[in-house]
């Protein structure tokens, strides 16, 4: 969390990480805080040996994840496949 404005949640199962969401306070969106948290989270997951990271996204959030290195594959965005 950065200044109480951003939160991220997820879990790890069988060496695959699942980011279930990144939430940014509405008055803090667009200033890079969400990307900063997601990049830090993915870097830590990768350094811990997670080679695949899945995120749950919607039509509204897909571009956020694409901008941060994920690719859309079917109904999910994936990093590291």
Protein backbone atom coordinates (compact mmCIF):
# COMPACT_ATOMS: atom_id res chain seq x y z
CA UNK A 1 0.00 0.00 0.00
CA UNK A 2 1.25 3.48 -0.84
CA UNK A 3 -0.06 6.33 1.34
CA UNK A 4 -3.29 4.39 1.91
CA UNK A 5 -4.20 4.87 -1.75
CA UNK A 6 -3.38 1.49 -3.32
CA UNK A 7 -3.95 -2.12 -2.29
CA UNK A 8 -3.21 -5.42 -4.05
CA UNK A 9 -4.40 -8.94 -3.29
CA UNK A 10 -3.67 -12.42 -4.57
CA UNK A 11 -2.38 -15.88 -3.81
CA UNK A 12 0.15 -18.49 -4.96
CA UNK A 13 -0.76 -22.07 -5.87
CA UNK A 14 1.59 -24.69 -7.31
CA UNK A 15 4.21 -22.11 -8.32
CA UNK A 16 1.73 -19.91 -10.16
CA UNK A 17 0.83 -16.51 -8.77
CA UNK A 18 -2.66 -15.07 -9.08
CA UNK A 19 -3.16 -11.34 -8.59
CA UNK A 20 -6.84 -11.01 -7.82
CA UNK A 21 -6.86 -7.24 -7.89
CA UNK A 22 -5.12 -3.91 -7.61
CA UNK A 23 -7.31 -1.17 -6.18
CA UNK A 24 -6.51 2.52 -6.36
CA UNK A 25 -8.50 5.23 -4.60
CA UNK A 26 -10.48 7.13 -7.22
CA UNK A 27 -8.81 10.45 -6.42
CA UNK A 28 -5.35 8.84 -6.79
CA UNK A 29 -5.80 7.17 -10.20
CA UNK A 30 -3.62 8.16 -13.11
CA UNK A 31 -0.50 9.08 -11.15
CA UNK A 32 1.37 5.77 -11.43
CA UNK A 33 0.84 4.47 -7.89
CA UNK A 34 -1.05 1.38 -9.05
CA UNK A 35 1.67 0.56 -11.59
CA UNK A 36 4.33 1.07 -8.93
CA UNK A 37 2.65 -1.43 -6.60
CA UNK A 38 2.01 -3.96 -9.40
CA UNK A 39 5.59 -3.75 -10.68
CA UNK A 40 6.98 -4.23 -7.16
CA UNK A 41 4.65 -7.16 -6.57
CA UNK A 42 5.49 -8.89 -9.86
CA UNK A 43 9.24 -8.34 -9.33
CA UNK A 44 9.01 -9.96 -5.90
CA UNK A 45 6.95 -12.88 -7.21
CA UNK A 46 9.43 -13.49 -10.04
CA UNK A 47 12.43 -13.27 -7.69
CA UNK A 48 10.73 -15.91 -5.50
CA UNK A 49 10.55 -18.30 -8.45
CA UNK A 50 7.01 -17.76 -9.72
CA UNK A 51 7.33 -18.04 -13.49
CA UNK A 52 3.67 -17.43 -14.28
CA UNK A 53 1.57 -14.61 -12.96
CA UNK A 54 -2.13 -14.40 -13.76
CA UNK A 55 -4.38 -11.45 -13.07
CA UNK A 56 -8.11 -11.11 -12.96
CA UNK A 57 -9.14 -8.20 -15.16
CA UNK A 58 -12.22 -6.58 -16.60
CA UNK A 59 -12.70 -4.61 -19.80
CA UNK A 60 -12.08 -1.46 -17.73
CA UNK A 61 -8.81 -2.72 -16.19
CA UNK A 62 -7.29 -4.71 -19.07
CA UNK A 63 -5.29 -1.76 -20.43
CA UNK A 64 -3.75 -1.18 -16.98
CA UNK A 65 -2.37 -4.72 -16.96
CA UNK A 66 -1.25 -4.57 -20.62
CA UNK A 67 0.58 -1.31 -19.87
CA UNK A 68 2.38 -3.16 -17.06
CA UNK A 69 3.69 -6.07 -19.15
CA UNK A 70 0.81 -8.54 -19.19
CA UNK A 71 -0.73 -10.06 -22.31
CA UNK A 72 -4.38 -10.89 -22.79
CA UNK A 73 -4.92 -14.58 -23.44
CA UNK A 74 -8.56 -15.53 -23.64
CA UNK A 75 -10.31 -14.47 -20.49
CA UNK A 76 -7.17 -13.62 -18.51
CA UNK A 77 -4.04 -11.47 -18.69
CA UNK A 78 -0.80 -13.40 -18.23
CA UNK A 79 2.86 -12.53 -17.57
CA UNK A 80 5.74 -14.94 -18.03
CA UNK A 81 4.39 -17.82 -20.11
